[in-house]
Amino acid sequence: MKKRVTLTFPKRSVQMPVTYRLAKDFNVAANIIRAQVAPNQVGKLVVELSGDIDQLDAAIDWMRSQDIHVSFASREITIDEDICVDCGLCTGVCPTEALTLDPETFRLSFTRSRCIVCEQCIPICPVQAISTTF
């Protein structure tokens, strides 16, 4: 089973080897989608956790016991086609190629099933046509 979660670390926990502990102690793989972690600052990781459902639940319980805030990703990327100018900047930062430019029409194409909601496309859009919804 897979679960996409956002982990928010308090300042004192950013040095903790969380992904190592998930793999070693719970047999849970953590695919890091986005990371914002720096010493003495609140850290954030967007990760996709993979493993047995019971192991995933145990891993999430452990993280919460370490004061790591765990929130489940239930958001989706939306693109306002009326605002979008099809510049293609978002396609360069999309790690899964969910955003592409059609080679014939040069129009932006969005494949929702490929999107991992990493949100890297949002700040790059010059006309703010990309956002998230719940």
Protein backbone atom coordinates (compact mmCIF):
# COMPACT_ATOMS: atom_id res chain seq x y z
CA MET A 1 0.00 0.00 0.00
CA LYS A 2 1.09 3.58 -0.62
CA LYS A 3 0.28 6.75 1.28
CA ARG A 4 1.36 10.27 0.39
CA VAL A 5 2.01 12.34 3.50
CA THR A 6 3.51 15.66 4.51
CA LEU A 7 5.82 15.48 7.51
CA THR A 8 6.47 18.64 9.53
CA PHE A 9 9.44 18.39 11.87
CA PRO A 10 9.99 20.59 14.91
CA LYS A 11 13.41 22.29 15.03
CA ARG A 12 14.82 19.73 17.45
CA SER A 13 13.95 16.79 15.18
CA VAL A 14 15.40 17.82 11.82
CA GLN A 15 18.63 15.90 12.51
CA MET A 16 16.74 12.64 13.17
CA PRO A 17 17.29 9.96 10.46
CA VAL A 18 13.59 9.41 9.84
CA THR A 19 13.72 7.71 6.44
CA TYR A 20 16.41 5.33 7.73
CA ARG A 21 14.28 4.43 10.76
CA LEU A 22 11.21 3.90 8.56
CA ALA A 23 13.14 1.43 6.40
CA LYS A 24 15.04 -0.34 9.21
CA ASP A 25 12.43 -0.48 11.98
CA PHE A 26 9.17 -0.67 9.99
CA ASN A 27 10.16 -1.99 6.54
CA VAL A 28 8.54 1.10 5.00
CA ALA A 29 10.07 2.72 1.90
CA ALA A 30 9.97 6.51 1.75
CA ASN A 31 10.12 8.15 -1.67
CA ILE A 32 10.96 11.80 -0.99
CA ILE A 33 8.97 14.02 -3.33
CA ARG A 34 9.85 17.39 -1.84
CA ALA A 35 12.11 18.44 1.03
CA GLN A 36 12.64 21.68 2.91
CA VAL A 37 14.94 20.85 5.79
CA ALA A 38 17.60 23.08 7.38
CA PRO A 39 19.33 23.10 10.78
CA ASN A 40 17.47 24.97 13.54
CA GLN A 41 14.36 25.49 11.40
CA VAL A 42 11.04 23.71 11.06
CA GLY A 43 11.43 21.07 8.34
CA LYS A 44 8.93 19.72 5.82
CA LEU A 45 9.02 16.56 3.73
CA VAL A 46 6.45 15.39 1.23
CA VAL A 47 6.92 11.64 0.94
CA GLU A 48 5.19 8.65 -0.54
CA LEU A 49 5.34 5.80 1.97
CA SER A 50 5.14 2.22 0.69
CA GLY A 51 4.70 -0.93 2.71
CA ASP A 52 2.28 -3.24 4.46
CA ILE A 53 -0.74 -1.38 5.88
CA ASP A 54 0.04 -2.43 9.46
CA GLN A 55 3.67 -1.37 9.10
CA LEU A 56 2.60 1.96 7.59
CA ASP A 57 0.25 2.60 10.51
CA ALA A 58 2.96 1.67 13.03
CA ALA A 59 5.46 3.95 11.27
CA ILE A 60 3.00 6.85 11.29
CA ASP A 61 2.28 6.27 14.99
CA TRP A 62 6.03 6.27 15.70
CA MET A 63 6.55 9.54 13.80
CA ARG A 64 3.73 11.18 15.72
CA SER A 65 5.29 9.96 18.99
CA GLN A 66 8.46 11.82 17.93
CA ASP A 67 6.42 15.08 17.61
CA ILE A 68 6.50 14.91 13.82
CA HIS A 69 3.21 16.21 12.44
CA VAL A 70 1.85 13.82 9.79
CA SER A 71 -0.84 15.00 7.39
CA PHE A 72 -2.23 12.97 4.54
CA ALA A 73 -2.18 14.49 1.07
CA SER A 74 -5.72 14.91 -0.14
CA ARG A 75 -5.03 17.83 -2.41
CA GLU A 76 -5.07 17.99 -6.18
CA ILE A 77 -3.40 20.29 -8.65
CA THR A 78 -5.79 22.41 -10.70
CA ILE A 79 -4.98 24.49 -13.74
CA ASP A 80 -7.10 27.48 -14.71
CA GLU A 81 -7.15 27.14 -18.50
CA ASP A 82 -8.54 30.65 -18.88
CA ILE A 83 -5.43 32.11 -17.24
CA CYS A 84 -2.79 29.66 -18.51
CA VAL A 85 -0.67 31.03 -21.37
CA ASP A 86 0.84 27.63 -22.26
CA CYS A 87 4.39 28.89 -21.67
CA GLY A 88 5.58 25.44 -20.58
CA LEU A 89 7.67 26.56 -17.60
CA CYS A 90 5.82 24.11 -15.36
CA THR A 91 6.77 21.18 -17.60
CA GLY A 92 10.44 21.69 -16.78
CA VAL A 93 9.95 21.19 -13.04
CA CYS A 94 7.37 18.38 -13.13
CA PRO A 95 9.21 15.23 -11.95
CA THR A 96 6.57 12.80 -13.27
CA GLU A 97 5.83 14.49 -16.60
CA ALA A 98 2.21 15.00 -15.59
CA LEU A 99 2.54 18.41 -17.25
CA THR A 100 3.60 18.38 -20.90
CA LEU A 101 3.27 20.56 -23.97
CA ASP A 102 1.52 19.01 -26.95
CA PRO A 103 4.16 19.00 -29.71
CA GLU A 104 1.64 19.92 -32.41
CA THR A 105 -0.55 22.53 -30.72
CA PHE A 106 1.92 23.75 -28.06
CA ARG A 107 -0.95 23.65 -25.54
CA LEU A 108 -0.38 22.50 -21.96
CA SER A 109 -1.58 18.99 -21.23
CA PHE A 110 -2.16 17.73 -17.67
CA THR A 111 -2.31 14.00 -16.89
CA ARG A 112 -3.83 13.95 -13.40
CA SER A 113 -3.07 10.26 -12.83
CA ARG A 114 0.68 10.96 -13.09
CA CYS A 115 0.58 13.94 -10.70
CA ILE A 116 2.09 13.38 -7.25
CA VAL A 117 1.08 16.85 -5.97
CA CYS A 118 4.67 17.85 -5.26
CA GLU A 119 3.59 21.47 -5.92
CA GLN A 120 6.81 22.38 -7.71
CA CYS A 121 4.76 23.77 -10.61
CA ILE A 122 2.88 26.30 -8.48
CA PRO A 123 5.63 28.85 -7.75
CA ILE A 124 7.10 28.58 -11.27
CA CYS A 125 3.86 29.60 -13.04
CA PRO A 126 4.27 33.27 -14.05
CA VAL A 127 0.51 33.91 -14.30
CA GLN A 128 -0.52 31.89 -11.21
CA ALA A 129 -2.75 29.56 -13.22
CA ILE A 130 -1.78 26.53 -11.11
CA SER A 131 -3.09 25.93 -7.60
CA THR A 132 -4.13 23.17 -5.22
CA THR A 133 -7.60 22.22 -4.10
CA PHE A 134 -8.79 19.86 -1.38
